[in-house]
N, C-alpha and C. Protein backbone atom coordinates (compact mmCIF):
# COMPACT_ATOMS: atom_id res chain seq x y z
N MET A 1 5.37 0.05 -41.32
CA MET A 1 4.83 0.59 -40.09
C MET A 1 5.91 0.65 -39.03
N ASN A 2 5.82 1.62 -38.22
CA ASN A 2 6.78 1.77 -37.14
C ASN A 2 6.43 0.85 -35.98
N GLN A 3 7.45 0.39 -35.31
CA GLN A 3 7.24 -0.40 -34.10
C GLN A 3 6.86 0.55 -32.96
N LEU A 4 6.12 0.03 -32.03
CA LEU A 4 5.74 0.82 -30.87
C LEU A 4 6.94 1.01 -29.94
N PRO A 5 7.00 2.12 -29.25
CA PRO A 5 8.08 2.30 -28.27
C PRO A 5 8.02 1.23 -27.18
N ASP A 6 9.17 0.95 -26.62
CA ASP A 6 9.27 -0.12 -25.62
C ASP A 6 8.41 0.15 -24.39
N LEU A 7 8.26 1.41 -24.02
CA LEU A 7 7.43 1.76 -22.87
C LEU A 7 5.97 1.40 -23.13
N LEU A 8 5.49 1.61 -24.34
CA LEU A 8 4.11 1.26 -24.66
C LEU A 8 3.90 -0.24 -24.68
N VAL A 9 4.91 -0.99 -25.09
CA VAL A 9 4.80 -2.44 -25.10
C VAL A 9 4.75 -2.98 -23.67
N ARG A 10 5.50 -2.34 -22.77
CA ARG A 10 5.52 -2.78 -21.37
C ARG A 10 4.39 -2.17 -20.54
N ALA A 11 3.61 -1.27 -21.09
CA ALA A 11 2.57 -0.56 -20.34
C ALA A 11 1.53 -1.49 -19.70
N PRO A 12 1.07 -2.56 -20.36
CA PRO A 12 0.09 -3.42 -19.68
C PRO A 12 0.62 -4.00 -18.37
N LYS A 13 1.88 -4.38 -18.34
CA LYS A 13 2.45 -4.91 -17.09
C LYS A 13 2.51 -3.82 -16.03
N ILE A 14 2.74 -2.61 -16.44
CA ILE A 14 2.75 -1.48 -15.51
C ILE A 14 1.36 -1.28 -14.93
N PHE A 15 0.33 -1.39 -15.80
CA PHE A 15 -1.04 -1.27 -15.32
C PHE A 15 -1.36 -2.36 -14.30
N TYR A 16 -0.92 -3.60 -14.55
CA TYR A 16 -1.21 -4.70 -13.63
C TYR A 16 -0.53 -4.47 -12.28
N ALA A 17 0.71 -4.02 -12.33
CA ALA A 17 1.42 -3.73 -11.08
C ALA A 17 0.76 -2.57 -10.32
N LEU A 18 0.33 -1.56 -11.06
CA LEU A 18 -0.35 -0.44 -10.42
C LEU A 18 -1.68 -0.86 -9.81
N ALA A 19 -2.37 -1.81 -10.44
CA ALA A 19 -3.63 -2.29 -9.89
C ALA A 19 -3.41 -2.93 -8.52
N VAL A 20 -2.36 -3.72 -8.38
CA VAL A 20 -2.07 -4.36 -7.10
C VAL A 20 -1.67 -3.30 -6.07
N ILE A 21 -0.83 -2.37 -6.47
CA ILE A 21 -0.38 -1.32 -5.56
C ILE A 21 -1.55 -0.46 -5.10
N VAL A 22 -2.42 -0.09 -6.03
CA VAL A 22 -3.57 0.76 -5.68
C VAL A 22 -4.52 0.02 -4.75
N PHE A 23 -4.73 -1.29 -4.99
CA PHE A 23 -5.61 -2.04 -4.10
C PHE A 23 -5.09 -2.00 -2.67
N PHE A 24 -3.82 -2.34 -2.49
CA PHE A 24 -3.28 -2.37 -1.13
C PHE A 24 -3.19 -0.98 -0.52
N ALA A 25 -2.84 0.02 -1.32
CA ALA A 25 -2.75 1.38 -0.79
C ALA A 25 -4.13 1.91 -0.39
N THR A 26 -5.13 1.67 -1.22
CA THR A 26 -6.47 2.13 -0.90
C THR A 26 -7.00 1.42 0.34
N PHE A 27 -6.79 0.11 0.40
CA PHE A 27 -7.26 -0.63 1.56
C PHE A 27 -6.53 -0.16 2.82
N TRP A 28 -5.21 0.00 2.73
CA TRP A 28 -4.45 0.40 3.91
C TRP A 28 -4.86 1.78 4.40
N MET A 29 -5.05 2.72 3.48
CA MET A 29 -5.42 4.07 3.91
C MET A 29 -6.81 4.08 4.54
N SER A 30 -7.74 3.34 3.98
CA SER A 30 -9.08 3.27 4.58
C SER A 30 -9.04 2.55 5.92
N PHE A 31 -8.26 1.48 6.01
CA PHE A 31 -8.11 0.76 7.26
C PHE A 31 -7.51 1.66 8.32
N TYR A 32 -6.48 2.40 7.96
CA TYR A 32 -5.84 3.34 8.88
C TYR A 32 -6.81 4.41 9.33
N GLU A 33 -7.60 4.92 8.39
CA GLU A 33 -8.58 5.94 8.71
C GLU A 33 -9.62 5.43 9.70
N VAL A 34 -10.08 4.20 9.50
CA VAL A 34 -11.10 3.64 10.38
C VAL A 34 -10.52 3.31 11.75
N LYS A 35 -9.40 2.64 11.77
CA LYS A 35 -8.85 2.14 13.03
C LYS A 35 -8.18 3.21 13.86
N VAL A 36 -7.52 4.16 13.24
CA VAL A 36 -6.71 5.11 14.01
C VAL A 36 -7.33 6.49 14.09
N ALA A 37 -7.76 6.99 12.97
CA ALA A 37 -8.17 8.40 12.95
C ALA A 37 -9.61 8.61 13.39
N GLN A 38 -10.55 7.84 12.87
CA GLN A 38 -11.96 8.14 13.14
C GLN A 38 -12.53 7.35 14.31
N MET A 39 -12.20 6.08 14.40
CA MET A 39 -12.86 5.25 15.40
C MET A 39 -11.88 4.49 16.28
N PRO A 40 -10.94 5.16 16.92
CA PRO A 40 -9.97 4.41 17.71
C PRO A 40 -10.54 3.80 18.99
N TYR A 41 -11.63 4.37 19.50
CA TYR A 41 -12.17 3.89 20.77
C TYR A 41 -13.47 3.11 20.61
N GLY A 42 -13.84 2.84 19.36
CA GLY A 42 -15.08 2.10 19.12
C GLY A 42 -14.89 0.62 19.42
N PRO A 43 -15.99 -0.08 19.63
CA PRO A 43 -15.90 -1.52 19.84
C PRO A 43 -15.31 -2.20 18.61
N GLU A 44 -14.55 -3.23 18.85
CA GLU A 44 -13.80 -3.89 17.78
C GLU A 44 -14.69 -4.45 16.67
N TYR A 45 -15.79 -5.07 17.04
CA TYR A 45 -16.63 -5.73 16.05
C TYR A 45 -17.99 -5.05 15.89
N SER A 46 -18.02 -3.75 16.00
CA SER A 46 -19.28 -3.05 15.82
C SER A 46 -19.66 -3.06 14.34
N PRO A 47 -20.94 -3.01 14.04
CA PRO A 47 -21.37 -3.02 12.64
C PRO A 47 -20.81 -1.84 11.84
N MET A 48 -20.63 -0.71 12.49
CA MET A 48 -20.12 0.45 11.78
C MET A 48 -18.66 0.23 11.34
N ILE A 49 -17.86 -0.33 12.20
CA ILE A 49 -16.46 -0.58 11.85
C ILE A 49 -16.37 -1.66 10.79
N ARG A 50 -17.17 -2.71 10.93
CA ARG A 50 -17.15 -3.75 9.90
C ARG A 50 -17.61 -3.22 8.56
N ALA A 51 -18.61 -2.35 8.54
CA ALA A 51 -19.08 -1.76 7.29
C ALA A 51 -18.01 -0.86 6.68
N ALA A 52 -17.30 -0.10 7.51
CA ALA A 52 -16.25 0.78 7.01
C ALA A 52 -15.09 -0.04 6.42
N LEU A 53 -14.75 -1.14 7.07
CA LEU A 53 -13.68 -1.99 6.54
C LEU A 53 -14.11 -2.70 5.26
N LEU A 54 -15.38 -3.10 5.18
CA LEU A 54 -15.88 -3.69 3.95
C LEU A 54 -15.86 -2.67 2.82
N ARG A 55 -16.22 -1.43 3.15
CA ARG A 55 -16.15 -0.37 2.15
C ARG A 55 -14.72 -0.18 1.66
N ALA A 56 -13.76 -0.29 2.56
CA ALA A 56 -12.36 -0.15 2.19
C ALA A 56 -11.95 -1.25 1.21
N VAL A 57 -12.36 -2.48 1.49
CA VAL A 57 -12.02 -3.59 0.60
C VAL A 57 -12.69 -3.41 -0.76
N LEU A 58 -13.96 -3.07 -0.76
CA LEU A 58 -14.70 -2.92 -2.01
C LEU A 58 -14.19 -1.75 -2.84
N GLN A 59 -13.85 -0.67 -2.19
CA GLN A 59 -13.32 0.49 -2.91
C GLN A 59 -11.97 0.16 -3.54
N GLY A 60 -11.10 -0.48 -2.78
CA GLY A 60 -9.80 -0.87 -3.33
C GLY A 60 -9.94 -1.87 -4.45
N PHE A 61 -10.87 -2.82 -4.29
CA PHE A 61 -11.09 -3.83 -5.31
C PHE A 61 -11.64 -3.21 -6.58
N SER A 62 -12.58 -2.28 -6.47
CA SER A 62 -13.15 -1.67 -7.67
C SER A 62 -12.13 -0.81 -8.41
N GLU A 63 -11.29 -0.10 -7.68
CA GLU A 63 -10.25 0.69 -8.33
C GLU A 63 -9.21 -0.21 -8.99
N ALA A 64 -8.87 -1.31 -8.34
CA ALA A 64 -7.91 -2.25 -8.92
C ALA A 64 -8.48 -2.91 -10.17
N ILE A 65 -9.77 -3.24 -10.14
CA ILE A 65 -10.40 -3.83 -11.33
C ILE A 65 -10.39 -2.84 -12.48
N TRP A 66 -10.66 -1.60 -12.20
CA TRP A 66 -10.67 -0.57 -13.24
C TRP A 66 -9.28 -0.42 -13.88
N ILE A 67 -8.26 -0.36 -13.07
CA ILE A 67 -6.90 -0.23 -13.60
C ILE A 67 -6.49 -1.49 -14.34
N GLY A 68 -6.82 -2.67 -13.79
CA GLY A 68 -6.51 -3.92 -14.46
C GLY A 68 -7.23 -4.06 -15.79
N ALA A 69 -8.48 -3.62 -15.85
CA ALA A 69 -9.23 -3.67 -17.12
C ALA A 69 -8.60 -2.74 -18.15
N ASN A 70 -8.12 -1.60 -17.72
CA ASN A 70 -7.41 -0.72 -18.65
C ASN A 70 -6.13 -1.37 -19.15
N GLY A 71 -5.44 -2.11 -18.28
CA GLY A 71 -4.25 -2.84 -18.71
C GLY A 71 -4.59 -3.91 -19.72
N ILE A 72 -5.70 -4.62 -19.52
CA ILE A 72 -6.11 -5.64 -20.49
C ILE A 72 -6.46 -4.99 -21.82
N LEU A 73 -7.17 -3.88 -21.78
CA LEU A 73 -7.51 -3.18 -23.01
C LEU A 73 -6.25 -2.69 -23.72
N PHE A 74 -5.32 -2.14 -22.98
CA PHE A 74 -4.08 -1.65 -23.58
C PHE A 74 -3.28 -2.81 -24.16
N ASP A 75 -3.26 -3.96 -23.46
CA ASP A 75 -2.58 -5.14 -23.97
C ASP A 75 -3.21 -5.60 -25.28
N PHE A 76 -4.53 -5.60 -25.34
CA PHE A 76 -5.23 -5.96 -26.57
C PHE A 76 -4.86 -5.02 -27.70
N LEU A 77 -4.82 -3.72 -27.43
CA LEU A 77 -4.49 -2.75 -28.47
C LEU A 77 -3.05 -2.90 -28.96
N VAL A 78 -2.12 -3.18 -28.06
CA VAL A 78 -0.73 -3.38 -28.47
C VAL A 78 -0.61 -4.63 -29.33
N ARG A 79 -1.27 -5.72 -28.93
CA ARG A 79 -1.23 -6.94 -29.73
C ARG A 79 -1.89 -6.73 -31.09
N PHE A 80 -3.00 -6.00 -31.12
CA PHE A 80 -3.67 -5.70 -32.38
C PHE A 80 -2.76 -4.89 -33.30
N TRP A 81 -2.09 -3.88 -32.73
CA TRP A 81 -1.17 -3.06 -33.51
C TRP A 81 -0.03 -3.91 -34.06
N ASN A 82 0.56 -4.75 -33.22
CA ASN A 82 1.68 -5.57 -33.67
C ASN A 82 1.26 -6.56 -34.74
N ARG A 83 0.10 -7.16 -34.62
CA ARG A 83 -0.37 -8.12 -35.61
C ARG A 83 -0.61 -7.45 -36.96
N HIS A 84 -1.26 -6.30 -36.94
CA HIS A 84 -1.56 -5.62 -38.21
C HIS A 84 -0.34 -4.92 -38.78
N ALA A 85 0.58 -4.50 -37.94
CA ALA A 85 1.81 -3.91 -38.45
C ALA A 85 2.64 -4.97 -39.15
N ALA A 86 2.70 -6.18 -38.59
CA ALA A 86 3.47 -7.27 -39.21
C ALA A 86 2.81 -7.71 -40.51
N SER A 87 1.49 -7.77 -40.57
CA SER A 87 0.82 -8.21 -41.79
C SER A 87 0.95 -7.15 -42.89
N ARG A 88 0.94 -5.89 -42.56
CA ARG A 88 1.12 -4.85 -43.56
C ARG A 88 2.55 -4.81 -44.09
N GLU A 89 3.52 -5.03 -43.20
CA GLU A 89 4.91 -5.04 -43.65
C GLU A 89 5.17 -6.22 -44.57
N SER A 90 4.61 -7.38 -44.29
CA SER A 90 4.82 -8.54 -45.15
C SER A 90 4.05 -8.35 -46.45
N GLY A 91 2.93 -7.66 -46.43
CA GLY A 91 2.16 -7.40 -47.65
C GLY A 91 2.83 -6.38 -48.54
N ASP A 92 3.59 -5.44 -47.99
CA ASP A 92 4.29 -4.44 -48.78
C ASP A 92 5.48 -5.02 -49.52
N ASN A 93 6.08 -6.07 -48.99
CA ASN A 93 7.27 -6.65 -49.60
C ASN A 93 6.94 -7.52 -50.80
N GLN A 94 5.70 -7.90 -50.97
CA GLN A 94 5.36 -8.80 -52.08
C GLN A 94 4.94 -8.06 -53.30
């Protein structure tokens, strides 16, 4: 069996890093939208602003969870491939 390319082996770590980046980027863009673009003159602690900021956190968190879960799945598939590739190669030699 062929070994997986190095990029595919490192892909789960890329997914994890992207999950963190997407969380902060999504939160920052929503925070910027609420504070600067849409509601710059609203009261600081109004329920609408708090709800919009909570939505920003939840949206970023859900997207980060989705990307992180894909990284875990990809990590599982790479480990599964490596385990079965090694067992088939050792079985072919006997």
